[in-house]
């Protein structure tokens, strides 16, 4: 890919600033930024989150943090009785807080936004991208199985949401879920009439993800092929890019696990898992998916 092609690319990155969501998104952006050094990546999150994510990081000329309003009232004090309250305030401020910060970034950098990469939680990324006529690429930081459940929430509720459904009823209507019981599913996924803000956000996410130019997952390709194939049939580009690890790093991690007492039993069947993991990094499928992702975000 020529550097000239990336000279005017400005990718807006919208991070979910709670728990561990921002860190894997930042890791993905670092990988992309080294592959497209002429492109500009603007990382939008709250001040507190950005301070944590960028602390101790080597300066990268093409990644710049921008703070967005956290939505908290003035002089707000965190309540120990309701530690998740800041999440609710933040979600009420979104997406307006992101739009406002994006407008400032465009003026300062002097480049219009050409792509939006966001945490998959931010379903509104699809609407912002449509307004700007640019691609939307969400990152799902968990495994493919819960993602498929969120995409099929209506079907799961139809089949298993009734009060008379036994708790040991399995999800036999989705490939690869025959061992998952109704009791294992979060209640907010099953019942529509009691949806707090985060489950409502996840439900909306499941509706909007098919509109994405690509959906990226931190999972490894080939480790759960049946579910991955189901996701590919529902999404335009389902790309499993793995974590930021090298082939040598994966090998060392596996050897470290096997050196412990708990690893004795794992030795009997770990060879197959190791082959799959090593195939997904370095020159394997994850690297190819990352190259495909780069083509999408710099198109």
C-alpha atoms as a PDB file:
ATOM      1  CA  UNK A   1       0.000   0.000   0.000  1.00  0.00           C
ATOM      2  CA  UNK A   2       1.542   3.314  -1.006  1.00  0.00           C
ATOM      3  CA  UNK A   3       2.221   6.035   1.559  1.00  0.00           C
ATOM      4  CA  UNK A   4       0.585   8.552  -0.753  1.00  0.00           C
ATOM      5  CA  UNK A   5      -2.704   6.693  -0.388  1.00  0.00           C
ATOM      6  CA  UNK A   6      -2.578   7.185   3.391  1.00  0.00           C
ATOM      7  CA  UNK A   7      -1.467  10.837   3.349  1.00  0.00           C
ATOM      8  CA  UNK A   8      -5.011  12.136   3.827  1.00  0.00           C
ATOM      9  CA  UNK A   9      -6.467   9.324   5.935  1.00  0.00           C
ATOM     10  CA  UNK A  10      -7.841  10.373   9.306  1.00  0.00           C
ATOM     11  CA  UNK A  11      -9.253   7.489  11.334  1.00  0.00           C
ATOM     12  CA  UNK A  12     -11.381   8.378  14.365  1.00  0.00           C
ATOM     13  CA  UNK A  13     -11.189   5.813  17.176  1.00  0.00           C
ATOM     14  CA  UNK A  14     -14.039   5.777  19.722  1.00  0.00           C
ATOM     15  CA  UNK A  15     -13.118   3.952  22.939  1.00  0.00           C
ATOM     16  CA  UNK A  16     -15.391   2.646  25.699  1.00  0.00           C
ATOM     17  CA  UNK A  17     -13.586   4.088  28.746  1.00  0.00           C
ATOM     18  CA  UNK A  18     -14.544   1.487  31.342  1.00  0.00           C
ATOM     19  CA  UNK A  19     -13.109  -1.833  32.510  1.00  0.00           C
ATOM     20  CA  UNK A  20     -10.432  -3.082  30.095  1.00  0.00           C
ATOM     21  CA  UNK A  21     -12.092  -2.066  26.830  1.00  0.00           C
ATOM     22  CA  UNK A  22      -9.836   0.829  25.816  1.00  0.00           C
ATOM     23  CA  UNK A  23      -6.546  -1.089  26.100  1.00  0.00           C
ATOM     24  CA  UNK A  24      -7.189  -3.768  23.431  1.00  0.00           C
ATOM     25  CA  UNK A  25      -8.602  -1.120  21.108  1.00  0.00           C
ATOM     26  CA  UNK A  26      -5.437   0.928  21.575  1.00  0.00           C
ATOM     27  CA  UNK A  27      -3.316  -2.171  20.891  1.00  0.00           C
ATOM     28  CA  UNK A  28      -5.151  -2.704  17.617  1.00  0.00           C
ATOM     29  CA  UNK A  29      -4.633   0.933  16.629  1.00  0.00           C
ATOM     30  CA  UNK A  30      -0.920   0.685  17.393  1.00  0.00           C
ATOM     31  CA  UNK A  31      -0.650  -2.272  15.061  1.00  0.00           C
ATOM     32  CA  UNK A  32      -2.501  -0.452  12.308  1.00  0.00           C
ATOM     33  CA  UNK A  33      -0.530   2.762  12.828  1.00  0.00           C
ATOM     34  CA  UNK A  34       2.766   1.000  12.185  1.00  0.00           C
ATOM     35  CA  UNK A  35       1.353  -0.488   8.993  1.00  0.00           C
ATOM     36  CA  UNK A  36       0.067   2.905   7.810  1.00  0.00           C
ATOM     37  CA  UNK A  37       2.520   5.467   9.250  1.00  0.00           C
ATOM     38  CA  UNK A  38       1.211   8.333   7.102  1.00  0.00           C
ATOM     39  CA  UNK A  39      -2.378   7.944   8.299  1.00  0.00           C
ATOM     40  CA  UNK A  40      -3.598   9.865  11.348  1.00  0.00           C
ATOM     41  CA  UNK A  41      -5.397   8.045  14.167  1.00  0.00           C
ATOM     42  CA  UNK A  42      -7.335  10.151  16.682  1.00  0.00           C
ATOM     43  CA  UNK A  43      -8.135   8.239  19.879  1.00  0.00           C
ATOM     44  CA  UNK A  44     -11.265   9.550  21.610  1.00  0.00           C
ATOM     45  CA  UNK A  45     -11.974   8.619  25.231  1.00  0.00           C
ATOM     46  CA  UNK A  46     -12.417  10.258  28.619  1.00  0.00           C
ATOM     47  CA  UNK A  47      -9.500  12.083  30.189  1.00  0.00           C
ATOM     48  CA  UNK A  48      -9.123   9.452  32.906  1.00  0.00           C
ATOM     49  CA  UNK A  49      -9.136   6.598  30.404  1.00  0.00           C
ATOM     50  CA  UNK A  50      -6.704   8.295  28.017  1.00  0.00           C
ATOM     51  CA  UNK A  51      -4.292   9.012  30.868  1.00  0.00           C
ATOM     52  CA  UNK A  52      -4.238   5.310  31.727  1.00  0.00           C
ATOM     53  CA  UNK A  53      -3.995   4.048  28.150  1.00  0.00           C
ATOM     54  CA  UNK A  54      -1.262   6.422  27.019  1.00  0.00           C
ATOM     55  CA  UNK A  55       0.730   6.374  30.268  1.00  0.00           C
ATOM     56  CA  UNK A  56       4.200   4.935  29.684  1.00  0.00           C
ATOM     57  CA  UNK A  57       3.606   4.497  25.965  1.00  0.00           C
ATOM     58  CA  UNK A  58       6.282   5.498  23.496  1.00  0.00           C
ATOM     59  CA  UNK A  59       5.274   8.593  21.567  1.00  0.00           C
ATOM     60  CA  UNK A  60       3.604   7.754  18.280  1.00  0.00           C
ATOM     61  CA  UNK A  61       3.417  10.630  15.850  1.00  0.00           C
ATOM     62  CA  UNK A  62       0.316   9.337  14.069  1.00  0.00           C
ATOM     63  CA  UNK A  63      -1.793   8.494  17.164  1.00  0.00           C
ATOM     64  CA  UNK A  64      -3.178  11.426  19.143  1.00  0.00           C
ATOM     65  CA  UNK A  65      -5.504  11.215  22.166  1.00  0.00           C
ATOM     66  CA  UNK A  66      -8.522  13.506  22.410  1.00  0.00           C
ATOM     67  CA  UNK A  67     -10.616  13.760  25.565  1.00  0.00           C
ATOM     68  CA  UNK A  68     -14.404  13.566  25.469  1.00  0.00           C
ATOM     69  CA  UNK A  69     -16.858  14.696  28.124  1.00  0.00           C
ATOM     70  CA  UNK A  70     -17.468  11.939  30.688  1.00  0.00           C
ATOM     71  CA  UNK A  71     -21.004  13.184  31.365  1.00  0.00           C
ATOM     72  CA  UNK A  72     -20.491  13.395  35.132  1.00  0.00           C
ATOM     73  CA  UNK A  73     -22.188  16.239  37.013  1.00  0.00           C
ATOM     74  CA  UNK A  74     -19.917  18.944  38.407  1.00  0.00           C
ATOM     75  CA  UNK A  75     -18.336  17.969  41.751  1.00  0.00           C
ATOM     76  CA  UNK A  76     -19.569  14.394  41.279  1.00  0.00           C
ATOM     77  CA  UNK A  77     -18.419  11.884  43.895  1.00  0.00           C
ATOM     78  CA  UNK A  78     -18.360   8.183  43.058  1.00  0.00           C
ATOM     79  CA  UNK A  79     -20.857   6.216  45.118  1.00  0.00           C
ATOM     80  CA  UNK A  80     -19.641   2.954  46.624  1.00  0.00           C
ATOM     81  CA  UNK A  81     -23.243   1.796  46.644  1.00  0.00           C
ATOM     82  CA  UNK A  82     -23.521   2.288  42.882  1.00  0.00           C
ATOM     83  CA  UNK A  83     -20.011   2.038  41.362  1.00  0.00           C
ATOM     84  CA  UNK A  84     -21.430   1.637  37.846  1.00  0.00           C
ATOM     85  CA  UNK A  85     -23.252   4.969  37.931  1.00  0.00           C
ATOM     86  CA  UNK A  86     -20.516   6.757  35.877  1.00  0.00           C
ATOM     87  CA  UNK A  87     -21.218   4.359  33.012  1.00  0.00           C
ATOM     88  CA  UNK A  88     -24.819   5.523  32.893  1.00  0.00           C
ATOM     89  CA  UNK A  89     -23.812   9.183  32.888  1.00  0.00           C
ATOM     90  CA  UNK A  90     -21.317   8.555  30.106  1.00  0.00           C
ATOM     91  CA  UNK A  91     -23.810   6.714  27.913  1.00  0.00           C
ATOM     92  CA  UNK A  92     -26.300   9.559  28.326  1.00  0.00           C
ATOM     93  CA  UNK A  93     -23.632  11.994  27.097  1.00  0.00           C
ATOM     94  CA  UNK A  94     -22.897   9.853  24.042  1.00  0.00           C
ATOM     95  CA  UNK A  95     -22.780  10.191  21.111  1.00  0.00           C
ATOM     96  CA  UNK A  96     -22.904  13.981  21.452  1.00  0.00           C
ATOM     97  CA  UNK A  97     -19.648  14.099  23.419  1.00  0.00           C
ATOM     98  CA  UNK A  98     -17.854  12.167  20.677  1.00  0.00           C
ATOM     99  CA  UNK A  99     -19.273  14.300  17.880  1.00  0.00           C
ATOM    100  CA  UNK A 100     -18.184  17.485  19.619  1.00  0.00           C
ATOM    101  CA  UNK A 101     -14.629  16.216  20.152  1.00  0.00           C
ATOM    102  CA  UNK A 102     -14.445  14.928  16.576  1.00  0.00           C
ATOM    103  CA  UNK A 103     -15.333  18.355  15.214  1.00  0.00           C
ATOM    104  CA  UNK A 104     -12.491  19.894  17.221  1.00  0.00           C
ATOM    105  CA  UNK A 105     -10.026  17.246  16.047  1.00  0.00           C
ATOM    106  CA  UNK A 106     -10.902  17.829  12.396  1.00  0.00           C
ATOM    107  CA  UNK A 107     -10.252  21.547  12.779  1.00  0.00           C
ATOM    108  CA  UNK A 108      -6.946  21.063  14.607  1.00  0.00           C
ATOM    109  CA  UNK A 109      -5.560  18.284  12.406  1.00  0.00           C
ATOM    110  CA  UNK A 110      -6.907  19.739   9.200  1.00  0.00           C
ATOM    111  CA  UNK A 111      -8.137  16.419   7.833  1.00  0.00           C
ATOM    112  CA  UNK A 112     -11.702  15.236   7.463  1.00  0.00           C
ATOM    113  CA  UNK A 113     -12.455  11.899   9.108  1.00  0.00           C
ATOM    114  CA  UNK A 114     -12.250   9.061   6.586  1.00  0.00           C
ATOM    115  CA  UNK A 115     -13.116   6.066   8.802  1.00  0.00           C
ATOM    116  CA  UNK A 116     -14.516   5.317  12.256  1.00  0.00           C
ATOM    117  CA  UNK A 117     -13.160   2.483  14.391  1.00  0.00           C
ATOM    118  CA  UNK A 118     -15.043   2.000  17.637  1.00  0.00           C
ATOM    119  CA  UNK A 119     -15.647  -0.362  20.489  1.00  0.00           C
ATOM    120  CA  UNK A 120     -18.448  -2.648  19.329  1.00  0.00           C
ATOM    121  CA  UNK A 121     -20.550  -1.384  22.250  1.00  0.00           C
ATOM    122  CA  UNK A 122     -20.922   1.911  20.404  1.00  0.00           C
ATOM    123  CA  UNK A 123     -23.678   0.989  17.978  1.00  0.00           C
ATOM    124  CA  UNK A 124     -24.096   4.694  17.214  1.00  0.00           C
ATOM    125  CA  UNK A 125     -20.797   4.508  15.332  1.00  0.00           C
ATOM    126  CA  UNK A 126     -22.887   3.234  12.421  1.00  0.00           C
ATOM    127  CA  UNK A 127     -25.018   6.390  12.440  1.00  0.00           C
ATOM    128  CA  UNK A 128     -22.043   8.744  12.707  1.00  0.00           C
ATOM    129  CA  UNK A 129     -20.269   6.915   9.882  1.00  0.00           C
ATOM    130  CA  UNK A 130     -23.373   7.153   7.721  1.00  0.00           C
ATOM    131  CA  UNK A 131     -23.599  10.899   8.357  1.00  0.00           C
ATOM    132  CA  UNK A 132     -19.952  11.313   7.332  1.00  0.00           C
ATOM    133  CA  UNK A 133     -20.193   8.821   4.439  1.00  0.00           C
ATOM    134  CA  UNK A 134     -17.266   6.788   5.791  1.00  0.00           C
ATOM    135  CA  UNK A 135     -16.794   3.114   6.815  1.00  0.00           C
ATOM    136  CA  UNK A 136     -17.563   1.968  10.351  1.00  0.00           C
ATOM    137  CA  UNK A 137     -15.360  -0.763  11.849  1.00  0.00           C
ATOM    138  CA  UNK A 138     -16.254  -1.943  15.391  1.00  0.00           C
ATOM    139  CA  UNK A 139     -13.958  -4.043  17.596  1.00  0.00           C
ATOM    140  CA  UNK A 140     -15.430  -6.858  19.696  1.00  0.00           C
ATOM    141  CA  UNK A 141     -13.017  -7.593  22.545  1.00  0.00           C
ATOM    142  CA  UNK A 142     -14.568 -10.856  23.763  1.00  0.00           C
ATOM    143  CA  UNK A 143     -14.956 -14.243  22.086  1.00  0.00           C
ATOM    144  CA  UNK A 144     -17.138 -15.086  19.090  1.00  0.00           C
ATOM    145  CA  UNK A 145     -19.768 -17.057  21.047  1.00  0.00           C
ATOM    146  CA  UNK A 146     -21.222 -14.171  23.079  1.00  0.00           C
ATOM    147  CA  UNK A 147     -21.112 -12.033  19.945  1.00  0.00           C
ATOM    148  CA  UNK A 148     -23.313 -14.521  18.096  1.00  0.00           C
ATOM    149  CA  UNK A 149     -25.750 -14.534  21.024  1.00  0.00           C
ATOM    150  CA  UNK A 150     -26.044 -10.752  20.842  1.00  0.00           C
ATOM    151  CA  UNK A 151     -26.679 -10.933  17.113  1.00  0.00           C
ATOM    152  CA  UNK A 152     -29.403 -13.516  17.730  1.00  0.00           C
ATOM    153  CA  UNK A 153     -30.973 -11.948  20.829  1.00  0.00           C
ATOM    154  CA  UNK A 154     -34.483 -11.927  19.364  1.00  0.00           C
ATOM    155  CA  UNK A 155     -34.251 -15.603  18.426  1.00  0.00           C
ATOM    156  CA  UNK A 156     -32.855 -16.538  21.850  1.00  0.00           C
ATOM    157  CA  UNK A 157     -35.699 -14.663  23.568  1.00  0.00           C
ATOM    158  CA  UNK A 158     -38.261 -16.293  21.326  1.00  0.00           C
ATOM    159  CA  UNK A 159     -36.966 -19.783  22.056  1.00  0.00           C
ATOM    160  CA  UNK A 160     -35.872 -19.462  25.683  1.00  0.00           C
ATOM    161  CA  UNK A 161     -37.280 -16.282  27.203  1.00  0.00           C
ATOM    162  CA  UNK A 162     -40.562 -17.669  28.504  1.00  0.00           C
ATOM    163  CA  UNK A 163     -41.108 -18.286  32.198  1.00  0.00           C
ATOM    164  CA  UNK A 164     -41.894 -21.922  31.516  1.00  0.00           C
ATOM    165  CA  UNK A 165     -38.558 -22.720  29.858  1.00  0.00           C
ATOM    166  CA  UNK A 166     -36.567 -25.216  31.992  1.00  0.00           C
ATOM    167  CA  UNK A 167     -33.187 -23.930  33.145  1.00  0.00           C
ATOM    168  CA  UNK A 168     -31.504 -27.015  31.702  1.00  0.00           C
ATOM    169  CA  UNK A 169     -32.907 -26.338  28.222  1.00  0.00           C
ATOM    170  CA  UNK A 170     -29.967 -26.049  25.830  1.00  0.00           C
ATOM    171  CA  UNK A 171     -29.438 -23.671  22.921  1.00  0.00           C
ATOM    172  CA  UNK A 172     -29.699 -26.433  20.352  1.00  0.00           C
ATOM    173  CA  UNK A 173     -30.974 -24.063  17.665  1.00  0.00           C
ATOM    174  CA  UNK A 174     -27.569 -22.361  17.232  1.00  0.00           C
ATOM    175  CA  UNK A 175     -24.583 -24.330  15.888  1.00  0.00           C
ATOM    176  CA  UNK A 176     -21.961 -24.927  18.563  1.00  0.00           C
ATOM    177  CA  UNK A 177     -24.244 -24.036  21.493  1.00  0.00           C
ATOM    178  CA  UNK A 178     -25.819 -27.409  22.253  1.00  0.00           C
ATOM    179  CA  UNK A 179     -24.092 -27.584  25.654  1.00  0.00           C
ATOM    180  CA  UNK A 180     -25.111 -24.080  26.765  1.00  0.00           C
ATOM    181  CA  UNK A 181     -28.170 -24.032  29.048  1.00  0.00           C
ATOM    182  CA  UNK A 182     -30.791 -21.377  29.625  1.00  0.00           C
ATOM    183  CA  UNK A 183     -29.416 -20.977  33.150  1.00  0.00           C
ATOM    184  CA  UNK A 184     -26.050 -19.975  31.670  1.00  0.00           C
ATOM    185  CA  UNK A 185     -27.478 -17.027  29.717  1.00  0.00           C
ATOM    186  CA  UNK A 186     -27.593 -13.574  31.358  1.00  0.00           C
ATOM    187  CA  UNK A 187     -31.186 -12.757  32.319  1.00  0.00           C
ATOM    188  CA  UNK A 188     -31.078  -9.383  30.547  1.00  0.00           C
ATOM    189  CA  UNK A 189     -30.454 -11.238  27.296  1.00  0.00           C
ATOM    190  CA  UNK A 190     -33.615 -13.289  27.765  1.00  0.00           C
ATOM    191  CA  UNK A 191     -36.144 -10.752  29.008  1.00  0.00           C
ATOM    192  CA  UNK A 192     -36.947  -7.618  27.048  1.00  0.00           C
ATOM    193  CA  UNK A 193     -39.090  -5.924  29.678  1.00  0.00           C
ATOM    194  CA  UNK A 194     -36.301  -5.210  32.178  1.00  0.00           C
ATOM    195  CA  UNK A 195     -33.414  -3.757  30.192  1.00  0.00           C
ATOM    196  CA  UNK A 196     -30.985  -1.398  31.946  1.00  0.00           C
ATOM    197  CA  UNK A 197     -28.675   0.811  29.904  1.00  0.00           C
ATOM    198  CA  UNK A 198     -25.819  -1.593  29.172  1.00  0.00           C
ATOM    199  CA  UNK A 199     -27.978  -4.561  28.053  1.00  0.00           C
ATOM    200  CA  UNK A 200     -30.008  -2.138  25.950  1.00  0.00           C
ATOM    201  CA  UNK A 201     -26.775  -0.954  24.374  1.00  0.00           C
ATOM    202  CA  UNK A 202     -25.749  -4.535  23.624  1.00  0.00           C
ATOM    203  CA  UNK A 203     -29.129  -5.282  22.079  1.00  0.00           C
ATOM    204  CA  UNK A 204     -28.831  -2.262  19.805  1.00  0.00           C
ATOM    205  CA  UNK A 205     -25.287  -3.318  18.979  1.00  0.00           C
ATOM    206  CA  UNK A 206     -26.548  -6.679  17.757  1.00  0.00           C
ATOM    207  CA  UNK A 207     -28.941  -4.895  15.428  1.00  0.00           C
ATOM    208  CA  UNK A 208     -26.345  -2.493  14.013  1.00  0.00           C
ATOM    209  CA  UNK A 209     -23.270  -4.691  13.519  1.00  0.00           C
ATOM    210  CA  UNK A 210     -24.472  -6.029  10.131  1.00  0.00           C
ATOM    211  CA  UNK A 211     -24.125  -2.449   8.863  1.00  0.00           C
ATOM    212  CA  UNK A 212     -20.388  -2.383   9.602  1.00  0.00           C
ATOM    213  CA  UNK A 213     -17.830  -2.460   6.803  1.00  0.00           C
ATOM    214  CA  UNK A 214     -15.960  -4.997   8.949  1.00  0.00           C
ATOM    215  CA  UNK A 215     -16.320  -6.412  12.459  1.00  0.00           C
ATOM    216  CA  UNK A 216     -13.015  -7.109  14.184  1.00  0.00           C
ATOM    217  CA  UNK A 217     -12.590  -9.614  17.000  1.00  0.00           C
ATOM    218  CA  UNK A 218      -9.661 -10.118  19.369  1.00  0.00           C
ATOM    219  CA  UNK A 219     -10.206 -13.864  19.096  1.00  0.00           C
ATOM    220  CA  UNK A 220      -8.029 -16.322  17.190  1.00  0.00           C
ATOM    221  CA  UNK A 221      -9.232 -17.698  13.899  1.00  0.00           C
ATOM    222  CA  UNK A 222      -9.765 -21.500  13.726  1.00  0.00           C
ATOM    223  CA  UNK A 223     -10.166 -21.900  17.505  1.00  0.00           C
ATOM    224  CA  UNK A 224     -13.974 -21.835  17.221  1.00  0.00           C
ATOM    225  CA  UNK A 225     -14.597 -22.355  13.493  1.00  0.00           C
ATOM    226  CA  UNK A 226     -18.302 -23.275  13.638  1.00  0.00           C
ATOM    227  CA  UNK A 227     -19.286 -20.101  15.458  1.00  0.00           C
ATOM    228  CA  UNK A 228     -16.893 -18.008  13.351  1.00  0.00           C
ATOM    229  CA  UNK A 229     -18.549 -19.320  10.195  1.00  0.00           C
ATOM    230  CA  UNK A 230     -21.965 -18.376  11.579  1.00  0.00           C
ATOM    231  CA  UNK A 231     -20.695 -14.848  12.188  1.00  0.00           C
ATOM    232  CA  UNK A 232     -19.273 -14.619   8.682  1.00  0.00           C
ATOM    233  CA  UNK A 233     -22.677 -15.500   7.293  1.00  0.00           C
ATOM    234  CA  UNK A 234     -24.268 -12.624   9.234  1.00  0.00           C
ATOM    235  CA  UNK A 235     -21.595  -9.918   8.908  1.00  0.00           C
ATOM    236  CA  UNK A 236     -19.902  -8.332   5.900  1.00  0.00           C
ATOM    237  CA  UNK A 237     -16.326  -8.886   7.069  1.00  0.00           C
ATOM    238  CA  UNK A 238     -15.753 -10.816  10.306  1.00  0.00           C
ATOM    239  CA  UNK A 239     -12.016 -10.535  10.951  1.00  0.00           C
ATOM    240  CA  UNK A 240     -10.341 -12.353  13.841  1.00  0.00           C
ATOM    241  CA  UNK A 241      -7.001 -10.627  14.386  1.00  0.00           C
ATOM    242  CA  UNK A 242      -6.004 -12.088  17.756  1.00  0.00           C
ATOM    243  CA  UNK A 243      -4.112 -10.196  20.432  1.00  0.00           C
ATOM    244  CA  UNK A 244      -0.870  -8.285  20.063  1.00  0.00           C
ATOM    245  CA  UNK A 245       1.408 -11.308  20.336  1.00  0.00           C
ATOM    246  CA  UNK A 246       4.174 -12.785  18.238  1.00  0.00           C
ATOM    247  CA  UNK A 247       4.656 -16.432  17.373  1.00  0.00           C
ATOM    248  CA  UNK A 248       7.562 -16.529  19.842  1.00  0.00           C
ATOM    249  CA  UNK A 249       5.350 -14.979  22.512  1.00  0.00           C
ATOM    250  CA  UNK A 250       2.636 -17.597  22.032  1.00  0.00           C
ATOM    251  CA  UNK A 251       5.199 -20.411  22.225  1.00  0.00           C
ATOM    252  CA  UNK A 252       6.697 -19.039  25.449  1.00  0.00           C
ATOM    253  CA  UNK A 253       3.244 -18.593  26.996  1.00  0.00           C
ATOM    254  CA  UNK A 254       2.275 -22.189  26.233  1.00  0.00           C
ATOM    255  CA  UNK A 255       5.589 -23.512  27.604  1.00  0.00           C
ATOM    256  CA  UNK A 256       5.105 -21.475  30.794  1.00  0.00           C
ATOM    257  CA  UNK A 257       1.632 -22.922  31.335  1.00  0.00           C
ATOM    258  CA  UNK A 258       2.860 -26.464  30.767  1.00  0.00           C
ATOM    259  CA  UNK A 259       5.699 -26.025  33.258  1.00  0.00           C
ATOM    260  CA  UNK A 260       3.222 -25.691  36.139  1.00  0.00           C
ATOM    261  CA  UNK A 261       1.567 -28.495  38.064  1.00  0.00           C
ATOM    262  CA  UNK A 262      -1.810 -27.573  36.605  1.00  0.00           C
ATOM    263  CA  UNK A 263      -0.329 -28.007  33.146  1.00  0.00           C
ATOM    264  CA  UNK A 264       0.386 -31.723  33.539  1.00  0.00           C
ATOM    265  CA  UNK A 265      -3.061 -32.802  32.391  1.00  0.00           C
ATOM    266  CA  UNK A 266      -3.066 -30.247  29.587  1.00  0.00           C
ATOM    267  CA  UNK A 267      -0.033 -31.863  27.917  1.00  0.00           C
ATOM    268  CA  UNK A 268      -2.167 -34.723  26.677  1.00  0.00           C
ATOM    269  CA  UNK A 269      -4.132 -32.619  24.223  1.00  0.00           C
ATOM    270  CA  UNK A 270      -2.340 -29.281  23.989  1.00  0.00           C
ATOM    271  CA  UNK A 271      -0.538 -30.039  20.720  1.00  0.00           C
ATOM    272  CA  UNK A 272      -3.653 -29.368  18.675  1.00  0.00           C
ATOM    273  CA  UNK A 273      -4.344 -26.081  20.467  1.00  0.00           C
ATOM    274  CA  UNK A 274      -0.733 -24.969  19.980  1.00  0.00           C
ATOM    275  CA  UNK A 275      -0.858 -25.699  16.258  1.00  0.00           C
ATOM    276  CA  UNK A 276      -4.042 -23.659  15.895  1.00  0.00           C
ATOM    277  CA  UNK A 277      -2.673 -20.711  17.851  1.00  0.00           C
ATOM    278  CA  UNK A 278       0.630 -20.627  15.983  1.00  0.00           C
ATOM    279  CA  UNK A 279      -1.189 -20.843  12.676  1.00  0.00           C
ATOM    280  CA  UNK A 280      -3.156 -17.732  13.616  1.00  0.00           C
ATOM    281  CA  UNK A 281      -0.144 -15.466  14.250  1.00  0.00           C
ATOM    282  CA  UNK A 282       2.963 -14.306  12.436  1.00  0.00           C
ATOM    283  CA  UNK A 283       2.403 -15.407   8.847  1.00  0.00           C
ATOM    284  CA  UNK A 284      -0.958 -17.002   9.595  1.00  0.00           C
ATOM    285  CA  UNK A 285      -4.608 -16.058   9.276  1.00  0.00           C
ATOM    286  CA  UNK A 286      -4.593 -13.300  11.915  1.00  0.00           C
ATOM    287  CA  UNK A 287      -1.911 -11.380  10.040  1.00  0.00           C
ATOM    288  CA  UNK A 288      -3.835 -11.745   6.798  1.00  0.00           C
ATOM    289  CA  UNK A 289      -7.008 -10.526   8.510  1.00  0.00           C
ATOM    290  CA  UNK A 290      -5.102  -7.528   9.865  1.00  0.00           C
ATOM    291  CA  UNK A 291      -3.983  -6.667   6.337  1.00  0.00           C
ATOM    292  CA  UNK A 292      -7.593  -6.952   5.170  1.00  0.00           C
ATOM    293  CA  UNK A 293      -8.632  -4.643   8.004  1.00  0.00           C
ATOM    294  CA  UNK A 294      -6.026  -2.089   6.954  1.00  0.00           C
ATOM    295  CA  UNK A 295      -7.452  -2.110   3.443  1.00  0.00           C
ATOM    296  CA  UNK A 296     -10.927  -1.407   4.848  1.00  0.00           C
ATOM    297  CA  UNK A 297      -9.930   1.493   7.112  1.00  0.00           C
ATOM    298  CA  UNK A 298      -7.676   3.181   4.529  1.00  0.00           C
ATOM    299  CA  UNK A 299      -9.853   2.568   1.484  1.00  0.00           C
END
